[in-house]
Amino acid sequence: MQTRQAWPDDASAVAGVYVRSWQTAFAGLVPQHYLDAMDPSREESEWKTRIAEARWPTSGVLVAETEAGIVGFTGFGPSQETPAVAEIGTLYAIPEVWGTGVGKQLMLATLTTLGQAEYTQATLWVLEGNQRARRFYEAAGWRADGAAVEDTTGGASLNKLRYRRRLC
């Protein structure tokens, strides 16, 4: 597996990973009708724009790629609350590679990139009920910092917790 900066031509594959990951990871947390309605073709243009607007290494999308193609990705940039702090907005992998180390390698590559951008701290948000993701982040040195928000997705009220990690 290799990690690399995403390019606009990767948007279709990134959108596919995004939808497949959501449909599996958030089953039972997000209403099923919302998950069933997700479609990679409707997500592709947004990912193409996000990737094209990257300001590497301060913001961008990293992909994890195997001989089978793109199997995971992260999206990151400055936090809206504190621009000197990085925020990982997305970290997703296809369910078939969960538990194989792809996520760990992708996280390490992302942290390296954030360090190159001279960030000293990073944050991310995780659904309170997503125990698998919370265990993954905690094993990678992330800790809940006490901040929480309520989000509405597909008509469901979801609690998100902010995790934080020092980068230096």
N, C-alpha and C. Protein backbone atom coordinates (compact mmCIF):
# COMPACT_ATOMS: atom_id res chain seq x y z
N MET A 1 0.83 -1.18 0.00
CA MET A 1 0.00 0.00 0.00
C MET A 1 0.87 1.24 0.00
N GLN A 2 0.44 2.24 -0.72
CA GLN A 2 1.12 3.53 -0.70
C GLN A 2 0.12 4.62 -0.38
N THR A 3 0.61 5.71 0.20
CA THR A 3 -0.23 6.89 0.41
C THR A 3 0.34 8.00 -0.46
N ARG A 4 -0.56 8.83 -0.97
CA ARG A 4 -0.13 9.93 -1.82
C ARG A 4 -1.19 11.02 -1.81
N GLN A 5 -0.79 12.19 -2.26
CA GLN A 5 -1.73 13.29 -2.41
C GLN A 5 -2.76 12.93 -3.47
N ALA A 6 -4.01 13.24 -3.20
CA ALA A 6 -5.07 12.97 -4.18
C ALA A 6 -5.05 14.01 -5.29
N TRP A 7 -5.48 13.59 -6.45
CA TRP A 7 -5.61 14.46 -7.62
C TRP A 7 -7.07 14.48 -8.05
N PRO A 8 -7.53 15.51 -8.76
CA PRO A 8 -8.95 15.57 -9.15
C PRO A 8 -9.46 14.31 -9.85
N ASP A 9 -8.61 13.62 -10.59
CA ASP A 9 -9.04 12.39 -11.26
C ASP A 9 -9.37 11.26 -10.27
N ASP A 10 -8.96 11.43 -9.01
CA ASP A 10 -9.25 10.43 -7.98
C ASP A 10 -10.63 10.61 -7.36
N ALA A 11 -11.34 11.67 -7.72
CA ALA A 11 -12.59 12.01 -7.05
C ALA A 11 -13.63 10.90 -7.11
N SER A 12 -13.75 10.21 -8.21
CA SER A 12 -14.73 9.13 -8.32
C SER A 12 -14.42 8.01 -7.33
N ALA A 13 -13.17 7.61 -7.24
CA ALA A 13 -12.78 6.54 -6.31
C ALA A 13 -12.95 6.99 -4.87
N VAL A 14 -12.58 8.24 -4.57
CA VAL A 14 -12.75 8.77 -3.22
C VAL A 14 -14.23 8.78 -2.84
N ALA A 15 -15.09 9.22 -3.75
CA ALA A 15 -16.52 9.24 -3.49
C ALA A 15 -17.05 7.82 -3.23
N GLY A 16 -16.53 6.85 -3.95
CA GLY A 16 -16.95 5.46 -3.73
C GLY A 16 -16.55 4.95 -2.36
N VAL A 17 -15.32 5.26 -1.93
CA VAL A 17 -14.86 4.87 -0.59
C VAL A 17 -15.72 5.56 0.46
N TYR A 18 -15.98 6.84 0.28
CA TYR A 18 -16.77 7.62 1.22
C TYR A 18 -18.14 6.98 1.43
N VAL A 19 -18.84 6.68 0.35
CA VAL A 19 -20.20 6.12 0.45
C VAL A 19 -20.17 4.72 1.05
N ARG A 20 -19.29 3.85 0.59
CA ARG A 20 -19.25 2.48 1.12
C ARG A 20 -18.91 2.47 2.59
N SER A 21 -17.97 3.33 2.99
CA SER A 21 -17.59 3.40 4.39
C SER A 21 -18.76 3.89 5.24
N TRP A 22 -19.40 4.96 4.81
CA TRP A 22 -20.56 5.47 5.56
C TRP A 22 -21.64 4.41 5.71
N GLN A 23 -21.95 3.73 4.62
CA GLN A 23 -23.05 2.76 4.64
C GLN A 23 -22.78 1.62 5.61
N THR A 24 -21.53 1.30 5.84
CA THR A 24 -21.19 0.23 6.78
C THR A 24 -20.94 0.78 8.19
N ALA A 25 -20.10 1.80 8.29
CA ALA A 25 -19.70 2.31 9.61
C ALA A 25 -20.84 2.94 10.39
N PHE A 26 -21.77 3.56 9.69
CA PHE A 26 -22.82 4.31 10.38
C PHE A 26 -24.17 3.59 10.40
N ALA A 27 -24.20 2.32 9.96
CA ALA A 27 -25.42 1.53 10.06
C ALA A 27 -25.79 1.41 11.54
N GLY A 28 -27.02 1.73 11.86
CA GLY A 28 -27.47 1.69 13.24
C GLY A 28 -27.26 3.01 13.98
N LEU A 29 -26.45 3.91 13.40
CA LEU A 29 -26.22 5.22 14.00
C LEU A 29 -26.95 6.32 13.23
N VAL A 30 -26.91 6.21 11.90
CA VAL A 30 -27.57 7.16 10.99
C VAL A 30 -28.77 6.42 10.40
N PRO A 31 -29.90 7.10 10.19
CA PRO A 31 -31.07 6.40 9.62
C PRO A 31 -30.73 5.66 8.33
N GLN A 32 -31.24 4.43 8.23
CA GLN A 32 -30.93 3.58 7.09
C GLN A 32 -31.37 4.20 5.77
N HIS A 33 -32.50 4.92 5.77
CA HIS A 33 -32.97 5.53 4.52
C HIS A 33 -31.95 6.54 3.99
N TYR A 34 -31.26 7.22 4.88
CA TYR A 34 -30.24 8.18 4.48
C TYR A 34 -29.04 7.44 3.87
N LEU A 35 -28.60 6.38 4.53
CA LEU A 35 -27.47 5.60 4.04
C LEU A 35 -27.79 4.95 2.69
N ASP A 36 -29.00 4.40 2.57
CA ASP A 36 -29.40 3.75 1.32
C ASP A 36 -29.45 4.73 0.15
N ALA A 37 -29.74 5.99 0.44
CA ALA A 37 -29.86 6.99 -0.62
C ALA A 37 -28.51 7.56 -1.06
N MET A 38 -27.45 7.27 -0.33
CA MET A 38 -26.13 7.80 -0.71
C MET A 38 -25.69 7.20 -2.04
N ASP A 39 -25.09 8.03 -2.89
CA ASP A 39 -24.69 7.59 -4.22
C ASP A 39 -23.35 8.25 -4.57
N PRO A 40 -22.33 7.44 -4.87
CA PRO A 40 -21.03 8.01 -5.20
C PRO A 40 -21.08 9.03 -6.34
N SER A 41 -21.93 8.82 -7.32
CA SER A 41 -21.97 9.75 -8.45
C SER A 41 -22.44 11.14 -8.02
N ARG A 42 -23.25 11.22 -6.96
CA ARG A 42 -23.68 12.53 -6.45
C ARG A 42 -22.61 13.18 -5.57
N GLU A 43 -21.68 12.40 -5.05
CA GLU A 43 -20.61 12.91 -4.18
C GLU A 43 -19.37 13.32 -4.98
N GLU A 44 -19.22 12.80 -6.18
CA GLU A 44 -17.98 12.96 -6.94
C GLU A 44 -17.60 14.43 -7.18
N SER A 45 -18.54 15.27 -7.59
CA SER A 45 -18.19 16.66 -7.91
C SER A 45 -17.69 17.41 -6.68
N GLU A 46 -18.29 17.13 -5.50
CA GLU A 46 -17.82 17.78 -4.28
C GLU A 46 -16.38 17.36 -3.96
N TRP A 47 -16.07 16.07 -4.13
CA TRP A 47 -14.71 15.61 -3.87
C TRP A 47 -13.74 16.16 -4.89
N LYS A 48 -14.15 16.28 -6.14
CA LYS A 48 -13.28 16.86 -7.16
C LYS A 48 -12.92 18.30 -6.78
N THR A 49 -13.91 19.06 -6.32
CA THR A 49 -13.67 20.44 -5.90
C THR A 49 -12.75 20.50 -4.69
N ARG A 50 -13.03 19.68 -3.67
CA ARG A 50 -12.17 19.66 -2.47
C ARG A 50 -10.73 19.35 -2.80
N ILE A 51 -10.55 18.36 -3.65
CA ILE A 51 -9.20 17.95 -4.03
C ILE A 51 -8.51 19.05 -4.83
N ALA A 52 -9.23 19.66 -5.77
CA ALA A 52 -8.65 20.71 -6.62
C ALA A 52 -8.29 21.96 -5.82
N GLU A 53 -9.02 22.23 -4.74
CA GLU A 53 -8.79 23.44 -3.94
C GLU A 53 -7.76 23.24 -2.82
N ALA A 54 -7.12 22.11 -2.80
CA ALA A 54 -6.12 21.82 -1.76
C ALA A 54 -5.00 22.85 -1.79
N ARG A 55 -4.50 23.17 -0.62
CA ARG A 55 -3.33 24.05 -0.48
C ARG A 55 -2.27 23.24 0.28
N TRP A 56 -1.67 22.32 -0.46
CA TRP A 56 -0.74 21.33 0.09
C TRP A 56 0.47 22.00 0.71
N PRO A 57 0.95 21.63 1.87
CA PRO A 57 0.47 20.57 2.76
C PRO A 57 -0.47 21.07 3.85
N THR A 58 -0.91 22.34 3.76
CA THR A 58 -1.79 22.90 4.78
C THR A 58 -3.19 22.29 4.74
N SER A 59 -3.65 21.96 3.54
CA SER A 59 -4.95 21.30 3.39
C SER A 59 -4.89 20.40 2.18
N GLY A 60 -5.70 19.37 2.21
CA GLY A 60 -5.74 18.47 1.07
C GLY A 60 -6.39 17.15 1.39
N VAL A 61 -6.23 16.22 0.47
CA VAL A 61 -6.75 14.86 0.60
C VAL A 61 -5.60 13.91 0.30
N LEU A 62 -5.40 12.96 1.20
CA LEU A 62 -4.42 11.88 1.00
C LEU A 62 -5.19 10.61 0.70
N VAL A 63 -4.71 9.82 -0.24
CA VAL A 63 -5.35 8.54 -0.52
C VAL A 63 -4.42 7.40 -0.17
N ALA A 64 -5.02 6.28 0.20
CA ALA A 64 -4.31 5.01 0.40
C ALA A 64 -4.65 4.16 -0.81
N GLU A 65 -3.61 3.66 -1.47
CA GLU A 65 -3.81 2.95 -2.73
C GLU A 65 -3.09 1.61 -2.69
N THR A 66 -3.79 0.58 -3.14
CA THR A 66 -3.20 -0.75 -3.30
C THR A 66 -3.31 -1.13 -4.77
N GLU A 67 -2.89 -2.33 -5.09
CA GLU A 67 -3.03 -2.79 -6.48
C GLU A 67 -4.51 -2.82 -6.90
N ALA A 68 -5.42 -2.87 -5.94
CA ALA A 68 -6.86 -2.87 -6.23
C ALA A 68 -7.40 -1.47 -6.47
N GLY A 69 -6.59 -0.44 -6.20
CA GLY A 69 -7.03 0.94 -6.38
C GLY A 69 -7.06 1.68 -5.05
N ILE A 70 -7.80 2.77 -5.00
CA ILE A 70 -7.90 3.58 -3.79
C ILE A 70 -8.82 2.87 -2.80
N VAL A 71 -8.29 2.62 -1.60
CA VAL A 71 -9.03 1.88 -0.58
C VAL A 71 -9.33 2.72 0.66
N GLY A 72 -8.78 3.93 0.72
CA GLY A 72 -9.03 4.81 1.86
C GLY A 72 -8.54 6.20 1.57
N PHE A 73 -8.95 7.16 2.41
CA PHE A 73 -8.50 8.53 2.24
C PHE A 73 -8.71 9.33 3.51
N THR A 74 -7.98 10.43 3.61
CA THR A 74 -8.20 11.42 4.65
C THR A 74 -8.32 12.79 3.99
N GLY A 75 -9.12 13.66 4.60
CA GLY A 75 -9.21 15.05 4.18
C GLY A 75 -8.89 15.91 5.39
N PHE A 76 -8.09 16.94 5.19
CA PHE A 76 -7.65 17.76 6.32
C PHE A 76 -7.45 19.20 5.88
N GLY A 77 -7.37 20.08 6.87
CA GLY A 77 -7.11 21.49 6.63
C GLY A 77 -7.10 22.22 7.95
N PRO A 78 -7.04 23.55 7.90
CA PRO A 78 -7.05 24.31 9.14
C PRO A 78 -8.43 24.23 9.81
N SER A 79 -8.43 24.19 11.12
CA SER A 79 -9.68 24.19 11.88
C SER A 79 -10.41 25.51 11.65
N GLN A 80 -11.72 25.46 11.51
CA GLN A 80 -12.50 26.68 11.36
C GLN A 80 -12.46 27.51 12.63
N GLU A 81 -12.37 26.84 13.77
CA GLU A 81 -12.34 27.54 15.06
C GLU A 81 -11.00 28.21 15.32
N THR A 82 -9.92 27.49 15.03
CA THR A 82 -8.56 27.98 15.29
C THR A 82 -7.68 27.59 14.11
N PRO A 83 -7.49 28.48 13.12
CA PRO A 83 -6.75 28.11 11.91
C PRO A 83 -5.33 27.61 12.14
N ALA A 84 -4.72 27.92 13.29
CA ALA A 84 -3.38 27.41 13.58
C ALA A 84 -3.39 25.93 13.97
N VAL A 85 -4.58 25.39 14.20
CA VAL A 85 -4.76 23.98 14.55
C VAL A 85 -5.32 23.25 13.32
N ALA A 86 -4.74 22.11 12.99
CA ALA A 86 -5.24 21.31 11.87
C ALA A 86 -6.50 20.57 12.29
N GLU A 87 -7.34 20.27 11.32
CA GLU A 87 -8.51 19.43 11.58
C GLU A 87 -8.58 18.36 10.51
N ILE A 88 -8.66 17.12 10.95
CA ILE A 88 -8.90 16.01 10.03
C ILE A 88 -10.42 15.90 9.93
N GLY A 89 -10.93 16.24 8.76
CA GLY A 89 -12.38 16.25 8.56
C GLY A 89 -12.93 14.90 8.14
N THR A 90 -12.09 14.09 7.50
CA THR A 90 -12.54 12.78 7.03
C THR A 90 -11.39 11.79 7.11
N LEU A 91 -11.72 10.57 7.48
CA LEU A 91 -10.78 9.45 7.42
C LEU A 91 -11.65 8.21 7.21
N TYR A 92 -11.63 7.70 6.00
CA TYR A 92 -12.49 6.57 5.66
C TYR A 92 -11.72 5.54 4.86
N ALA A 93 -12.10 4.29 5.02
CA ALA A 93 -11.54 3.19 4.24
C ALA A 93 -12.67 2.23 3.92
N ILE A 94 -12.52 1.49 2.82
CA ILE A 94 -13.55 0.51 2.48
C ILE A 94 -13.56 -0.58 3.56
N PRO A 95 -14.73 -1.11 3.86
CA PRO A 95 -14.83 -2.11 4.94
C PRO A 95 -13.90 -3.31 4.77
N GLU A 96 -13.61 -3.69 3.55
CA GLU A 96 -12.76 -4.86 3.31
C GLU A 96 -11.35 -4.71 3.86
N VAL A 97 -10.89 -3.48 4.09
CA VAL A 97 -9.53 -3.29 4.60
C VAL A 97 -9.50 -2.88 6.07
N TRP A 98 -10.66 -2.80 6.71
CA TRP A 98 -10.68 -2.47 8.13
C TRP A 98 -9.89 -3.54 8.90
N GLY A 99 -9.08 -3.11 9.82
CA GLY A 99 -8.31 -4.03 10.65
C GLY A 99 -7.04 -4.56 10.01
N THR A 100 -6.69 -4.06 8.81
CA THR A 100 -5.50 -4.55 8.11
C THR A 100 -4.29 -3.63 8.25
N GLY A 101 -4.46 -2.49 8.91
CA GLY A 101 -3.37 -1.53 9.05
C GLY A 101 -3.44 -0.38 8.06
N VAL A 102 -4.37 -0.43 7.11
CA VAL A 102 -4.49 0.66 6.13
C VAL A 102 -4.81 1.97 6.83
N GLY A 103 -5.76 1.95 7.75
CA GLY A 103 -6.13 3.17 8.48
C GLY A 103 -4.97 3.72 9.28
N LYS A 104 -4.23 2.84 9.91
CA LYS A 104 -3.08 3.27 10.71
C LYS A 104 -2.03 3.93 9.82
N GLN A 105 -1.71 3.32 8.68
CA GLN A 105 -0.73 3.90 7.77
C GLN A 105 -1.22 5.24 7.21
N LEU A 106 -2.51 5.31 6.91
CA LEU A 106 -3.08 6.55 6.41
C LEU A 106 -3.02 7.65 7.47
N MET A 107 -3.30 7.29 8.72
CA MET A 107 -3.22 8.26 9.81
C MET A 107 -1.78 8.75 9.98
N LEU A 108 -0.82 7.84 9.96
CA LEU A 108 0.59 8.24 10.10
C LEU A 108 1.02 9.18 8.97
N ALA A 109 0.62 8.88 7.75
CA ALA A 109 0.96 9.74 6.62
C ALA A 109 0.31 11.11 6.76
N THR A 110 -0.91 11.14 7.27
CA THR A 110 -1.61 12.41 7.48
C THR A 110 -0.92 13.23 8.56
N LEU A 111 -0.55 12.60 9.66
CA LEU A 111 0.15 13.31 10.74
C LEU A 111 1.49 13.85 10.26
N THR A 112 2.19 13.10 9.43
CA THR A 112 3.45 13.56 8.85
C THR A 112 3.22 14.79 7.99
N THR A 113 2.20 14.75 7.16
CA THR A 113 1.88 15.89 6.29
C THR A 113 1.51 17.11 7.12
N LEU A 114 0.72 16.92 8.17
CA LEU A 114 0.34 18.05 9.03
C LEU A 114 1.57 18.64 9.71
N GLY A 115 2.51 17.80 10.09
CA GLY A 115 3.76 18.28 10.67
C GLY A 115 4.56 19.10 9.67
N GLN A 116 4.56 18.67 8.39
CA GLN A 116 5.26 19.43 7.35
C GLN A 116 4.63 20.80 7.15
N ALA A 117 3.35 20.91 7.45
CA ALA A 117 2.64 22.19 7.34
C ALA A 117 2.85 23.04 8.60
N GLU A 118 3.63 22.51 9.54
CA GLU A 118 3.99 23.20 10.77
C GLU A 118 2.84 23.39 11.75
N TYR A 119 1.81 22.56 11.63
CA TYR A 119 0.79 22.52 12.67
C TYR A 119 1.42 21.88 13.91
N THR A 120 1.01 22.31 15.09
CA THR A 120 1.50 21.69 16.32
C THR A 120 0.42 20.87 17.01
N GLN A 121 -0.85 21.08 16.61
CA GLN A 121 -1.98 20.32 17.17
C GLN A 121 -2.96 20.01 16.05
N ALA A 122 -3.75 18.96 16.27
CA ALA A 122 -4.80 18.62 15.33
C ALA A 122 -6.04 18.16 16.10
N THR A 123 -7.18 18.34 15.47
CA THR A 123 -8.44 17.88 16.03
C THR A 123 -9.19 17.08 14.98
N LEU A 124 -10.18 16.36 15.44
CA LEU A 124 -11.12 15.67 14.56
C LEU A 124 -12.40 15.46 15.36
N TRP A 125 -13.49 15.21 14.67
CA TRP A 125 -14.77 14.95 15.32
C TRP A 125 -15.18 13.52 15.01
N VAL A 126 -15.75 12.85 16.01
CA VAL A 126 -16.17 11.46 15.85
C VAL A 126 -17.55 11.30 16.51
N LEU A 127 -18.40 10.50 15.88
CA LEU A 127 -19.70 10.22 16.48
C LEU A 127 -19.51 9.51 17.81
N GLU A 128 -20.19 9.98 18.82
CA GLU A 128 -20.07 9.39 20.15
C GLU A 128 -20.38 7.90 20.13
N GLY A 129 -21.33 7.49 19.33
CA GLY A 129 -21.72 6.08 19.27
C GLY A 129 -20.85 5.21 18.38
N ASN A 130 -19.88 5.79 17.71
CA ASN A 130 -19.02 5.02 16.80
C ASN A 130 -17.82 4.48 17.59
N GLN A 131 -18.06 3.42 18.32
CA GLN A 131 -17.04 2.86 19.21
C GLN A 131 -15.81 2.36 18.46
N ARG A 132 -16.00 1.80 17.30
CA ARG A 132 -14.86 1.30 16.51
C ARG A 132 -13.91 2.45 16.17
N ALA A 133 -14.47 3.55 15.68
CA ALA A 133 -13.64 4.71 15.33
C ALA A 133 -12.99 5.30 16.57
N ARG A 134 -13.72 5.39 17.65
CA ARG A 134 -13.15 5.95 18.88
C ARG A 134 -11.97 5.12 19.37
N ARG A 135 -12.09 3.79 19.31
CA ARG A 135 -10.97 2.92 19.71
C ARG A 135 -9.77 3.13 18.79
N PHE A 136 -10.03 3.26 17.50
CA PHE A 136 -8.96 3.49 16.52
C PHE A 136 -8.21 4.78 16.85
N TYR A 137 -8.95 5.86 17.06
CA TYR A 137 -8.31 7.16 17.34
C TYR A 137 -7.56 7.13 18.67
N GLU A 138 -8.16 6.55 19.66
CA GLU A 138 -7.50 6.49 20.98
C GLU A 138 -6.22 5.67 20.92
N ALA A 139 -6.21 4.60 20.15
CA ALA A 139 -5.00 3.79 19.99
C ALA A 139 -3.90 4.58 19.27
N ALA A 140 -4.31 5.59 18.48
CA ALA A 140 -3.35 6.41 17.75
C ALA A 140 -2.95 7.67 18.53
N GLY A 141 -3.34 7.74 19.80
CA GLY A 141 -2.91 8.85 20.64
C GLY A 141 -3.86 10.04 20.71
N TRP A 142 -5.03 9.92 20.14
CA TRP A 142 -6.03 10.99 20.20
C TRP A 142 -6.82 10.86 21.50
N ARG A 143 -7.24 12.00 22.05
CA ARG A 143 -8.05 12.01 23.27
C ARG A 143 -9.18 13.00 23.14
N ALA A 144 -10.35 12.64 23.68
CA ALA A 144 -11.48 13.57 23.72
C ALA A 144 -11.06 14.77 24.56
N ASP A 145 -11.36 15.98 24.07
CA ASP A 145 -10.94 17.18 24.80
C ASP A 145 -12.10 17.87 25.52
N GLY A 146 -13.27 17.23 25.56
CA GLY A 146 -14.40 17.77 26.29
C GLY A 146 -15.40 18.52 25.43
N ALA A 147 -15.03 18.88 24.20
CA ALA A 147 -15.96 19.58 23.31
C ALA A 147 -16.91 18.57 22.67
N ALA A 148 -18.15 18.96 22.55
CA ALA A 148 -19.17 18.11 21.91
C ALA A 148 -20.15 19.00 21.18
N VAL A 149 -20.69 18.50 20.09
CA VAL A 149 -21.72 19.20 19.33
C VAL A 149 -22.80 18.20 18.95
N GLU A 150 -23.98 18.73 18.69
CA GLU A 150 -25.07 17.90 18.21
C GLU A 150 -25.24 18.20 16.73
N ASP A 151 -25.33 17.16 15.95
CA ASP A 151 -25.46 17.27 14.50
C ASP A 151 -26.73 16.53 14.09
N THR A 152 -27.35 16.96 13.02
CA THR A 152 -28.52 16.27 12.51
C THR A 152 -28.18 15.73 11.13
N THR A 153 -28.26 14.44 10.98
CA THR A 153 -28.00 13.77 9.70
C THR A 153 -29.16 12.83 9.41
N GLY A 154 -29.78 13.01 8.27
CA GLY A 154 -30.89 12.15 7.89
C GLY A 154 -32.05 12.21 8.86
N GLY A 155 -32.20 13.32 9.58
CA GLY A 155 -33.29 13.47 10.54
C GLY A 155 -32.96 12.97 11.93
N ALA A 156 -31.78 12.38 12.11
CA ALA A 156 -31.39 11.87 13.42
C ALA A 156 -30.47 12.88 14.11
N SER A 157 -30.64 13.01 15.41
CA SER A 157 -29.77 13.86 16.21
C SER A 157 -28.58 13.01 16.66
N LEU A 158 -27.38 13.46 16.31
CA LEU A 158 -26.17 12.70 16.59
C LEU A 158 -25.20 13.54 17.41
N ASN A 159 -24.62 12.96 18.43
CA ASN A 159 -23.62 13.65 19.23
C ASN A 159 -22.24 13.35 18.66
N LYS A 160 -21.47 14.43 18.48
CA LYS A 160 -20.08 14.31 18.02
C LYS A 160 -19.17 14.80 19.13
N LEU A 161 -18.06 14.09 19.30
CA LEU A 161 -17.04 14.47 20.28
C LEU A 161 -15.80 14.93 19.54
N ARG A 162 -15.17 15.96 20.07
CA ARG A 162 -13.92 16.42 19.46
C ARG A 162 -12.75 15.72 20.14
N TYR A 163 -11.86 15.19 19.32
CA TYR A 163 -10.62 14.58 19.78
C TYR A 163 -9.48 15.50 19.38
N ARG A 164 -8.42 15.47 20.17
CA ARG A 164 -7.27 16.36 19.95
C ARG A 164 -5.98 15.57 20.13
N ARG A 165 -4.97 16.02 19.43
CA ARG A 165 -3.65 15.38 19.54
C ARG A 165 -2.57 16.41 19.24
N ARG A 166 -1.49 16.35 20.01
CA ARG A 166 -0.31 17.19 19.72
C ARG A 166 0.45 16.53 18.57
N LEU A 167 1.07 17.34 17.75
CA LEU A 167 1.78 16.83 16.58
C LEU A 167 3.30 16.87 16.72
N CYS A 168 3.80 17.59 17.72
CA CYS A 168 5.26 17.68 17.84
C CYS A 168 5.76 16.95 19.06
